[in-house]
Structure formats: structure tokens, C-alpha cells
């Protein structure tokens, strides 16, 4: 009898635990699973399970690379940014990431990043008194890095996509004398 490769387990009202069997860990000989709680209808849970099973069958690593955001950003700067932008732009990106993103999210495993983590980081920036322009520029840089992680198949979804960024305030137009 074949082992189940995917399960949907009810976890309350409109909450479902999705489990996808990933195989045995070579070192510990324990079974590995991708576990995620999905809120919504049974059809949404089934759609999520189907998507994850398809990705597993295509050979994509559901858990992403086991690297931290800091390690990924270093690699991203070296391989994707430096060859295509001016040196000053590259320094600006590095400075922005060093000041605002790395202290809060740097040690987070890349595949474990969630939109809520990114949103909390932006909220801390606002509470520190930084302008909405700074938050927006930081968001552009981080979103670009996460988009590249998607292309490299290190992530299944972009954690910067579900984030609400502050509106940039525009000054009132004035007439010149």
C-alpha cells in the first residue's frame, strides 16, 4: 500500500492543516513534512495542497534553501545587483539593507519569511520617525531581492507582496511670486 503524500486535517472552523510528505532526512532517517495552516474553505485548502504536491513533483524544494536572509542578500548583491547597476546604486542598496532590513530580519531563514514579518519591520521604521519615502525605497529594494529569489526557486511566494506600505505625502502646490 502506498504512503499518503498529502493530507488535509481540520483544525477548527474554516482552518485546515496541510501536510505534504517530503521523504526521509538522510542524516536522521526521520520523515520530513511541509506543514502549513490554511484559513478558508475546504476548496481553498485542496487547491493549496494540489499546488504544493505539484511543486514537490516538479522537484522544487518546498522548504526553500536553508539559508538566512543575510546570506541570501549577500549572494543577491554579488550576483544580481553588482553586474547590472552603478557602484553608487549598489552602495545605496547595501546601506539600506544594512540599516533597516538586516537588524530585524537578517537571521530569519529565507523560506520562513512571512509578509507579517516584513510589515512589522516597516512599522518599526515608521515608529523610529523615518519618512514614508525611506520605507517605500526600502520596500522596493527588498521586493526586488525577493522577486529574484522566486526566479531562482528559493521561495514559492514573495513575502514582500502582501505588505502595505505608507503613502508618500505630497506637498501642496504653491504659486510662484
N, C-alpha and C. Protein backbone atom coordinates (compact mmCIF):
# COMPACT_ATOMS: atom_id res chain seq x y z
N UNK A 1 0.84 -1.18 0.00
CA UNK A 1 0.00 0.00 0.00
C UNK A 1 0.89 1.24 0.00
N UNK A 2 0.56 2.20 -0.84
CA UNK A 2 1.36 3.42 -0.96
C UNK A 2 1.09 4.36 0.20
N UNK A 3 2.12 5.08 0.60
CA UNK A 3 2.01 6.06 1.66
C UNK A 3 1.31 7.31 1.13
N UNK A 4 0.46 7.92 1.97
CA UNK A 4 -0.18 9.17 1.58
C UNK A 4 0.90 10.24 1.41
N UNK A 5 0.78 11.03 0.37
CA UNK A 5 1.76 12.08 0.15
C UNK A 5 1.24 13.44 0.57
N UNK A 6 -0.08 13.55 0.75
CA UNK A 6 -0.64 14.82 1.18
C UNK A 6 -1.89 14.61 2.01
N UNK A 7 -2.07 15.47 3.02
CA UNK A 7 -3.22 15.36 3.89
C UNK A 7 -3.83 16.72 4.13
N UNK A 8 -5.13 16.73 4.37
CA UNK A 8 -5.84 17.92 4.84
C UNK A 8 -6.50 17.52 6.15
N UNK A 9 -6.14 18.19 7.24
CA UNK A 9 -6.66 17.87 8.56
C UNK A 9 -7.41 19.09 9.09
N UNK A 10 -8.66 18.92 9.49
CA UNK A 10 -9.46 20.03 10.03
C UNK A 10 -8.86 20.47 11.36
N UNK A 11 -8.73 21.78 11.52
CA UNK A 11 -8.17 22.34 12.75
C UNK A 11 -9.07 23.41 13.37
N UNK A 12 -10.36 23.30 13.13
CA UNK A 12 -11.29 24.28 13.67
C UNK A 12 -12.18 24.79 12.56
N UNK A 13 -12.88 25.87 12.86
CA UNK A 13 -13.82 26.45 11.91
C UNK A 13 -13.06 27.12 10.77
N UNK A 14 -13.16 26.55 9.58
CA UNK A 14 -12.52 27.08 8.37
C UNK A 14 -11.00 27.16 8.51
N UNK A 15 -10.40 26.24 9.26
CA UNK A 15 -8.94 26.15 9.39
C UNK A 15 -8.52 24.73 9.07
N UNK A 16 -7.47 24.60 8.28
CA UNK A 16 -7.04 23.29 7.80
C UNK A 16 -5.53 23.18 7.89
N UNK A 17 -5.06 22.05 8.39
CA UNK A 17 -3.62 21.77 8.39
C UNK A 17 -3.31 20.98 7.12
N UNK A 18 -2.40 21.49 6.32
CA UNK A 18 -1.97 20.83 5.09
C UNK A 18 -0.61 20.19 5.37
N UNK A 19 -0.50 18.89 5.09
CA UNK A 19 0.76 18.17 5.28
C UNK A 19 1.16 17.52 3.97
N UNK A 20 2.40 17.76 3.56
CA UNK A 20 2.93 17.15 2.35
C UNK A 20 4.19 16.37 2.73
N UNK A 21 4.20 15.10 2.44
CA UNK A 21 5.34 14.25 2.75
C UNK A 21 6.49 14.56 1.80
N UNK A 22 7.68 14.85 2.35
CA UNK A 22 8.84 15.23 1.55
C UNK A 22 9.90 14.14 1.45
N UNK A 23 9.73 13.06 2.19
CA UNK A 23 10.72 11.99 2.16
C UNK A 23 11.48 11.90 3.47
N UNK A 24 12.49 11.05 3.49
CA UNK A 24 13.29 10.85 4.70
C UNK A 24 14.48 11.79 4.72
N UNK A 25 14.82 12.25 5.93
CA UNK A 25 16.04 13.02 6.11
C UNK A 25 17.20 12.04 6.04
N UNK A 26 18.20 12.34 5.21
CA UNK A 26 19.31 11.40 5.00
C UNK A 26 20.14 11.19 6.25
N UNK A 27 20.26 12.21 7.10
CA UNK A 27 21.10 12.10 8.29
C UNK A 27 20.37 11.46 9.45
N UNK A 28 19.17 11.94 9.77
CA UNK A 28 18.46 11.47 10.95
C UNK A 28 17.52 10.30 10.67
N UNK A 29 17.26 10.02 9.39
CA UNK A 29 16.34 8.96 8.96
C UNK A 29 14.91 9.20 9.44
N UNK A 30 14.57 10.47 9.75
CA UNK A 30 13.20 10.82 10.14
C UNK A 30 12.44 11.32 8.92
N UNK A 31 11.11 11.19 8.98
CA UNK A 31 10.27 11.68 7.90
C UNK A 31 10.19 13.21 7.93
N UNK A 32 10.24 13.82 6.77
CA UNK A 32 10.09 15.27 6.65
C UNK A 32 8.75 15.60 6.04
N UNK A 33 8.11 16.62 6.60
CA UNK A 33 6.82 17.09 6.10
C UNK A 33 6.86 18.60 5.92
N UNK A 34 6.10 19.08 4.95
CA UNK A 34 5.81 20.51 4.82
C UNK A 34 4.46 20.69 5.47
N UNK A 35 4.37 21.50 6.54
CA UNK A 35 3.13 21.73 7.27
C UNK A 35 2.75 23.19 7.15
N UNK A 36 1.49 23.44 6.86
CA UNK A 36 1.01 24.82 6.79
C UNK A 36 -0.46 24.85 7.15
N UNK A 37 -0.86 25.83 7.97
CA UNK A 37 -2.27 26.02 8.29
C UNK A 37 -2.86 27.00 7.30
N UNK A 38 -3.98 26.61 6.71
CA UNK A 38 -4.67 27.44 5.72
C UNK A 38 -6.03 27.80 6.29
N UNK A 39 -6.38 29.08 6.19
CA UNK A 39 -7.70 29.54 6.63
C UNK A 39 -8.56 29.74 5.39
N UNK A 40 -9.78 29.25 5.43
CA UNK A 40 -10.68 29.40 4.30
C UNK A 40 -11.51 28.14 4.10
N UNK A 41 -12.04 28.01 2.92
CA UNK A 41 -12.91 26.87 2.63
C UNK A 41 -12.09 25.61 2.36
N UNK A 42 -12.78 24.49 2.33
CA UNK A 42 -12.14 23.21 2.02
C UNK A 42 -11.56 23.24 0.60
N UNK A 43 -12.22 23.93 -0.32
CA UNK A 43 -11.71 24.02 -1.69
C UNK A 43 -10.39 24.79 -1.73
N UNK A 44 -10.26 25.83 -0.91
CA UNK A 44 -9.00 26.58 -0.85
C UNK A 44 -7.89 25.70 -0.29
N UNK A 45 -8.21 24.91 0.73
CA UNK A 45 -7.23 24.00 1.31
C UNK A 45 -6.80 22.96 0.28
N UNK A 46 -7.77 22.43 -0.48
CA UNK A 46 -7.47 21.43 -1.51
C UNK A 46 -6.60 22.06 -2.61
N UNK A 47 -6.88 23.30 -2.98
CA UNK A 47 -6.10 23.98 -4.01
C UNK A 47 -4.66 24.18 -3.53
N UNK A 48 -4.48 24.55 -2.26
CA UNK A 48 -3.14 24.73 -1.71
C UNK A 48 -2.38 23.40 -1.71
N UNK A 49 -3.06 22.32 -1.27
CA UNK A 49 -2.43 21.00 -1.27
C UNK A 49 -2.02 20.58 -2.68
N UNK A 50 -2.89 20.79 -3.64
CA UNK A 50 -2.60 20.43 -5.02
C UNK A 50 -1.38 21.20 -5.54
N UNK A 51 -1.33 22.51 -5.22
CA UNK A 51 -0.21 23.35 -5.64
C UNK A 51 1.10 22.83 -5.05
N UNK A 52 1.11 22.50 -3.76
CA UNK A 52 2.33 22.02 -3.10
C UNK A 52 2.75 20.65 -3.63
N UNK A 53 1.78 19.79 -3.88
CA UNK A 53 2.12 18.47 -4.43
C UNK A 53 2.73 18.62 -5.83
N UNK A 54 2.20 19.53 -6.62
CA UNK A 54 2.74 19.76 -7.96
C UNK A 54 4.18 20.27 -7.87
N UNK A 55 4.42 21.22 -6.97
CA UNK A 55 5.77 21.75 -6.80
C UNK A 55 6.73 20.67 -6.33
N UNK A 56 6.24 19.80 -5.44
CA UNK A 56 7.06 18.69 -4.98
C UNK A 56 7.40 17.76 -6.13
N UNK A 57 6.40 17.47 -6.96
CA UNK A 57 6.60 16.57 -8.10
C UNK A 57 7.54 17.17 -9.15
N UNK A 58 7.55 18.49 -9.25
CA UNK A 58 8.47 19.16 -10.19
C UNK A 58 9.90 19.21 -9.67
N UNK A 59 10.08 18.77 -8.42
CA UNK A 59 11.43 18.74 -7.86
C UNK A 59 11.85 20.01 -7.17
N UNK A 60 10.91 20.91 -6.94
CA UNK A 60 11.25 22.14 -6.22
C UNK A 60 11.29 21.83 -4.74
N UNK A 61 12.23 22.45 -4.06
CA UNK A 61 12.38 22.26 -2.62
C UNK A 61 11.33 23.11 -1.91
N UNK A 62 10.32 22.46 -1.31
CA UNK A 62 9.24 23.20 -0.68
C UNK A 62 9.71 24.07 0.48
N UNK A 63 10.73 23.68 1.14
CA UNK A 63 11.20 24.45 2.28
C UNK A 63 12.20 25.52 1.87
N UNK A 64 12.48 25.62 0.59
CA UNK A 64 13.42 26.64 0.14
C UNK A 64 14.83 26.29 0.59
N UNK A 65 15.73 27.16 0.30
CA UNK A 65 17.11 26.96 0.73
C UNK A 65 17.17 27.21 2.23
N UNK A 66 17.99 26.48 2.91
CA UNK A 66 18.13 26.63 4.35
C UNK A 66 19.14 27.71 4.66
N UNK A 67 19.02 28.84 3.99
CA UNK A 67 19.93 29.95 4.23
C UNK A 67 19.15 31.09 4.87
N UNK A 68 19.87 31.93 5.60
CA UNK A 68 19.23 33.07 6.23
C UNK A 68 19.08 34.19 5.20
N UNK A 69 18.28 35.16 5.56
CA UNK A 69 18.10 36.32 4.69
C UNK A 69 19.42 37.04 4.47
N UNK A 70 20.24 37.15 5.53
CA UNK A 70 21.56 37.81 5.39
C UNK A 70 22.41 37.11 4.33
N UNK A 71 22.48 35.78 4.39
CA UNK A 71 23.29 35.03 3.42
C UNK A 71 22.74 35.22 2.00
N UNK A 72 21.42 35.19 1.88
CA UNK A 72 20.83 35.37 0.56
C UNK A 72 21.10 36.78 0.02
N UNK A 73 20.92 37.81 0.87
CA UNK A 73 21.14 39.18 0.41
C UNK A 73 22.58 39.41 -0.04
N UNK A 74 23.55 38.81 0.68
CA UNK A 74 24.96 38.91 0.26
C UNK A 74 25.14 38.32 -1.14
N UNK A 75 24.56 37.16 -1.35
CA UNK A 75 24.65 36.49 -2.65
C UNK A 75 23.93 37.28 -3.74
N UNK A 76 22.76 37.82 -3.40
CA UNK A 76 21.98 38.60 -4.35
C UNK A 76 22.73 39.85 -4.80
N UNK A 77 23.33 40.55 -3.84
CA UNK A 77 24.10 41.76 -4.17
C UNK A 77 25.24 41.41 -5.13
N UNK A 78 25.97 40.32 -4.82
CA UNK A 78 27.13 39.95 -5.63
C UNK A 78 26.75 39.49 -7.03
N UNK A 79 25.72 38.66 -7.14
CA UNK A 79 25.45 38.03 -8.43
C UNK A 79 24.40 38.75 -9.28
N UNK A 80 23.44 39.41 -8.66
CA UNK A 80 22.36 40.02 -9.43
C UNK A 80 22.42 41.54 -9.49
N UNK A 81 22.96 42.18 -8.46
CA UNK A 81 22.93 43.63 -8.41
C UNK A 81 24.20 44.26 -8.98
N UNK A 82 25.35 43.85 -8.47
CA UNK A 82 26.62 44.48 -8.89
C UNK A 82 26.85 44.46 -10.40
N UNK A 83 26.54 43.37 -11.10
CA UNK A 83 26.80 43.37 -12.54
C UNK A 83 25.89 44.31 -13.35
N UNK A 84 24.75 44.73 -12.79
CA UNK A 84 23.82 45.49 -13.63
C UNK A 84 23.53 46.91 -13.18
N UNK A 85 24.07 47.35 -12.04
CA UNK A 85 23.82 48.73 -11.60
C UNK A 85 25.15 49.44 -11.33
N UNK A 86 25.08 50.75 -11.23
CA UNK A 86 26.27 51.54 -10.92
C UNK A 86 26.73 51.25 -9.49
N UNK A 87 27.99 51.53 -9.25
CA UNK A 87 28.58 51.26 -7.94
C UNK A 87 27.86 52.04 -6.84
N UNK A 88 27.52 53.29 -7.10
CA UNK A 88 26.82 54.12 -6.11
C UNK A 88 25.46 53.51 -5.76
N UNK A 89 24.74 53.03 -6.75
CA UNK A 89 23.44 52.40 -6.51
C UNK A 89 23.59 51.15 -5.66
N UNK A 90 24.61 50.38 -5.96
CA UNK A 90 24.89 49.16 -5.19
C UNK A 90 25.17 49.52 -3.72
N UNK A 91 25.98 50.57 -3.50
CA UNK A 91 26.26 51.01 -2.12
C UNK A 91 25.00 51.49 -1.42
N UNK A 92 24.12 52.16 -2.16
CA UNK A 92 22.85 52.60 -1.58
C UNK A 92 22.00 51.41 -1.15
N UNK A 93 21.91 50.39 -2.01
CA UNK A 93 21.15 49.19 -1.68
C UNK A 93 21.72 48.51 -0.44
N UNK A 94 23.06 48.35 -0.42
CA UNK A 94 23.69 47.69 0.73
C UNK A 94 23.44 48.46 2.02
N UNK A 95 23.55 49.78 1.96
CA UNK A 95 23.33 50.61 3.14
C UNK A 95 21.89 50.51 3.63
N UNK A 96 20.96 50.56 2.72
CA UNK A 96 19.54 50.47 3.06
C UNK A 96 19.25 49.13 3.74
N UNK A 97 19.75 48.05 3.16
CA UNK A 97 19.53 46.73 3.75
C UNK A 97 20.22 46.59 5.10
N UNK A 98 21.43 47.13 5.22
CA UNK A 98 22.19 47.04 6.47
C UNK A 98 21.51 47.79 7.60
N UNK A 99 20.95 48.97 7.30
CA UNK A 99 20.34 49.81 8.34
C UNK A 99 18.95 49.34 8.74
N UNK A 100 18.14 48.90 7.78
CA UNK A 100 16.72 48.70 8.06
C UNK A 100 16.25 47.25 8.02
N UNK A 101 16.79 46.43 7.14
CA UNK A 101 16.28 45.07 6.98
C UNK A 101 17.07 44.06 7.78
N UNK A 102 18.38 44.09 7.67
CA UNK A 102 19.21 43.07 8.33
C UNK A 102 19.08 43.02 9.84
N UNK A 103 18.99 44.15 10.57
CA UNK A 103 18.86 44.05 12.03
C UNK A 103 17.61 43.29 12.48
N UNK A 104 16.50 43.46 11.78
CA UNK A 104 15.25 42.82 12.19
C UNK A 104 15.04 41.45 11.58
N UNK A 105 15.37 41.29 10.31
CA UNK A 105 15.03 40.06 9.59
C UNK A 105 16.24 39.24 9.17
N UNK A 106 17.43 39.73 9.36
CA UNK A 106 18.63 39.11 8.81
C UNK A 106 18.85 37.67 9.20
N UNK A 107 18.52 37.31 10.42
CA UNK A 107 18.76 35.94 10.88
C UNK A 107 17.60 35.00 10.59
N UNK A 108 16.54 35.52 9.99
CA UNK A 108 15.39 34.70 9.62
C UNK A 108 15.76 33.81 8.44
N UNK A 109 15.33 32.55 8.49
CA UNK A 109 15.55 31.65 7.35
C UNK A 109 14.72 32.20 6.20
N UNK A 110 15.33 32.28 5.03
CA UNK A 110 14.70 32.90 3.87
C UNK A 110 13.32 32.32 3.60
N UNK A 111 13.19 31.01 3.61
CA UNK A 111 11.92 30.37 3.29
C UNK A 111 10.88 30.57 4.39
N UNK A 112 11.30 31.00 5.57
CA UNK A 112 10.38 31.18 6.69
C UNK A 112 9.85 32.61 6.77
N UNK A 113 10.30 33.50 5.90
CA UNK A 113 9.85 34.89 5.94
C UNK A 113 8.38 34.98 5.54
N UNK A 114 7.65 35.80 6.26
CA UNK A 114 6.23 35.99 6.00
C UNK A 114 5.96 37.49 5.82
N UNK A 115 4.87 37.82 5.13
CA UNK A 115 4.53 39.24 4.95
C UNK A 115 4.39 39.98 6.29
N UNK A 116 3.90 39.29 7.31
CA UNK A 116 3.74 39.92 8.62
C UNK A 116 5.09 40.38 9.18
N UNK A 117 6.16 39.60 8.97
CA UNK A 117 7.49 39.98 9.43
C UNK A 117 7.97 41.25 8.74
N UNK A 118 7.74 41.30 7.44
CA UNK A 118 8.16 42.47 6.66
C UNK A 118 7.34 43.69 7.09
N UNK A 119 6.04 43.50 7.28
CA UNK A 119 5.16 44.59 7.71
C UNK A 119 5.61 45.13 9.07
N UNK A 120 5.96 44.25 9.99
CA UNK A 120 6.43 44.68 11.32
C UNK A 120 7.71 45.49 11.21
N UNK A 121 8.60 45.10 10.31
CA UNK A 121 9.84 45.85 10.11
C UNK A 121 9.54 47.25 9.60
N UNK A 122 8.63 47.37 8.65
CA UNK A 122 8.26 48.69 8.13
C UNK A 122 7.61 49.53 9.22
N UNK A 123 6.80 48.90 10.05
CA UNK A 123 6.14 49.63 11.14
C UNK A 123 7.18 50.16 12.13
N UNK A 124 8.21 49.38 12.41
CA UNK A 124 9.28 49.84 13.30
C UNK A 124 10.02 51.03 12.69
N UNK A 125 10.19 51.00 11.38
CA UNK A 125 10.85 52.12 10.70
C UNK A 125 10.02 53.40 10.87
N UNK A 126 8.70 53.28 10.73
CA UNK A 126 7.82 54.43 10.87
C UNK A 126 7.85 54.94 12.31
N UNK A 127 7.83 54.02 13.27
CA UNK A 127 7.87 54.40 14.68
C UNK A 127 9.17 55.08 15.06
N UNK A 128 10.25 54.77 14.35
CA UNK A 128 11.54 55.43 14.59
C UNK A 128 11.57 56.83 13.99
N UNK A 129 10.51 57.19 13.27
CA UNK A 129 10.44 58.53 12.72
C UNK A 129 10.98 58.65 11.30
N UNK A 130 11.20 57.53 10.64
CA UNK A 130 11.69 57.59 9.26
C UNK A 130 10.56 57.99 8.33
N UNK A 131 10.91 58.65 7.26
CA UNK A 131 9.91 59.13 6.32
C UNK A 131 9.29 57.97 5.54
N UNK A 132 8.10 58.22 5.01
CA UNK A 132 7.45 57.19 4.20
C UNK A 132 8.27 56.93 2.94
N UNK A 133 9.01 57.93 2.47
CA UNK A 133 9.87 57.75 1.30
C UNK A 133 10.95 56.70 1.58
N UNK A 134 11.55 56.77 2.80
CA UNK A 134 12.56 55.78 3.18
C UNK A 134 11.97 54.37 3.22
N UNK A 135 10.78 54.25 3.80
CA UNK A 135 10.13 52.94 3.90
C UNK A 135 9.82 52.42 2.49
N UNK A 136 9.32 53.29 1.63
CA UNK A 136 8.97 52.88 0.26
C UNK A 136 10.21 52.44 -0.52
N UNK A 137 11.31 53.17 -0.38
CA UNK A 137 12.54 52.82 -1.09
C UNK A 137 13.09 51.49 -0.58
N UNK A 138 13.05 51.30 0.74
CA UNK A 138 13.48 50.02 1.32
C UNK A 138 12.61 48.89 0.78
N UNK A 139 11.32 49.13 0.67
CA UNK A 139 10.41 48.12 0.16
C UNK A 139 10.76 47.74 -1.29
N UNK A 140 11.08 48.73 -2.09
CA UNK A 140 11.43 48.46 -3.50
C UNK A 140 12.66 47.56 -3.58
N UNK A 141 13.66 47.85 -2.76
CA UNK A 141 14.90 47.06 -2.78
C UNK A 141 14.62 45.64 -2.29
N UNK A 142 13.90 45.50 -1.17
CA UNK A 142 13.62 44.17 -0.64
C UNK A 142 12.73 43.37 -1.59
N UNK A 143 11.74 44.01 -2.18
CA UNK A 143 10.85 43.31 -3.11
C UNK A 143 11.62 42.82 -4.33
N UNK A 144 12.57 43.61 -4.80
CA UNK A 144 13.40 43.20 -5.93
C UNK A 144 14.23 41.97 -5.56
N UNK A 145 14.78 41.96 -4.35
CA UNK A 145 15.57 40.82 -3.89
C UNK A 145 14.70 39.56 -3.79
N UNK A 146 13.49 39.72 -3.27
CA UNK A 146 12.60 38.58 -3.12
C UNK A 146 12.10 38.07 -4.48
N UNK A 147 11.90 38.98 -5.43
CA UNK A 147 11.50 38.58 -6.78
C UNK A 147 12.58 37.71 -7.41
N UNK A 148 13.85 38.06 -7.18
CA UNK A 148 14.95 37.26 -7.71
C UNK A 148 14.99 35.89 -7.03
N UNK A 149 14.69 35.85 -5.73
CA UNK A 149 14.65 34.57 -5.01
C UNK A 149 13.58 33.66 -5.61
N UNK A 150 12.47 34.24 -6.04
CA UNK A 150 11.43 33.45 -6.72
C UNK A 150 11.96 32.88 -8.03
N UNK A 151 12.66 33.71 -8.80
CA UNK A 151 13.20 33.26 -10.09
C UNK A 151 14.24 32.15 -9.90
N UNK A 152 14.98 32.22 -8.80
CA UNK A 152 15.99 31.21 -8.51
C UNK A 152 15.39 29.99 -7.80
N UNK A 153 14.09 29.98 -7.61
CA UNK A 153 13.35 28.88 -6.97
C UNK A 153 13.78 28.64 -5.53
N UNK A 154 14.15 29.73 -4.83
CA UNK A 154 14.46 29.62 -3.41
C UNK A 154 13.21 29.87 -2.56
N UNK A 155 12.22 30.54 -3.15
CA UNK A 155 10.96 30.83 -2.48
C UNK A 155 9.81 30.39 -3.37
N UNK A 156 8.68 30.10 -2.74
CA UNK A 156 7.48 29.75 -3.50
C UNK A 156 6.57 30.96 -3.68
N UNK A 157 6.67 31.92 -2.77
CA UNK A 157 5.88 33.14 -2.88
C UNK A 157 6.68 34.30 -2.28
N UNK A 158 6.43 35.49 -2.78
CA UNK A 158 7.18 36.67 -2.37
C UNK A 158 6.59 37.24 -1.08
N UNK A 159 7.35 37.24 0.04
CA UNK A 159 6.82 37.77 1.30
C UNK A 159 6.62 39.28 1.28
N UNK A 160 7.20 39.97 0.32
CA UNK A 160 7.03 41.42 0.24
C UNK A 160 5.77 41.81 -0.52
N UNK A 161 5.10 40.84 -1.13
CA UNK A 161 3.91 41.15 -1.93
C UNK A 161 2.70 41.52 -1.07
N UNK A 162 2.52 40.87 0.05
CA UNK A 162 1.32 41.10 0.85
C UNK A 162 1.45 42.23 1.85
N UNK A 163 2.37 43.15 1.61
CA UNK A 163 2.69 44.19 2.59
C UNK A 163 2.09 45.52 2.16
N UNK A 164 1.55 46.25 3.11
CA UNK A 164 1.00 47.58 2.84
C UNK A 164 2.07 48.60 3.23
N UNK A 165 2.44 49.43 2.27
CA UNK A 165 3.46 50.44 2.54
C UNK A 165 2.79 51.80 2.71
N UNK A 166 3.44 52.69 3.46
CA UNK A 166 2.81 54.00 3.70
C UNK A 166 2.76 54.85 2.44
N UNK A 167 1.73 55.67 2.36
CA UNK A 167 1.61 56.59 1.23
C UNK A 167 2.64 57.70 1.39
N UNK A 168 3.17 58.14 0.28
CA UNK A 168 4.11 59.25 0.33
C UNK A 168 3.29 60.54 0.30
N UNK A 169 3.51 61.37 1.29
CA UNK A 169 2.76 62.61 1.38
C UNK A 169 3.28 63.60 0.35
N UNK A 170 2.38 64.21 -0.33
CA UNK A 170 2.74 65.21 -1.33
C UNK A 170 2.47 66.59 -0.74
N UNK A 171 3.38 67.50 -0.99
CA UNK A 171 3.20 68.87 -0.53
C UNK A 171 2.17 69.57 -1.39
N UNK A 172 1.57 70.59 -0.83
CA UNK A 172 0.59 71.36 -1.57
C UNK A 172 1.30 72.18 -2.63
N UNK A 173 0.67 72.29 -3.78
CA UNK A 173 1.26 73.10 -4.84
C UNK A 173 1.17 74.57 -4.45
N UNK A 174 2.24 75.30 -4.73
CA UNK A 174 2.26 76.73 -4.42
C UNK A 174 2.51 77.52 -5.67
N UNK A 175 1.97 78.69 -5.71
CA UNK A 175 2.23 79.59 -6.83
C UNK A 175 3.54 80.30 -6.59
N UNK A 176 4.26 80.47 -7.65
CA UNK A 176 5.49 81.26 -7.50
C UNK A 176 5.16 82.74 -7.65
N UNK A 177 5.83 83.59 -6.90
CA UNK A 177 5.51 85.03 -6.93
C UNK A 177 5.84 85.69 -8.24
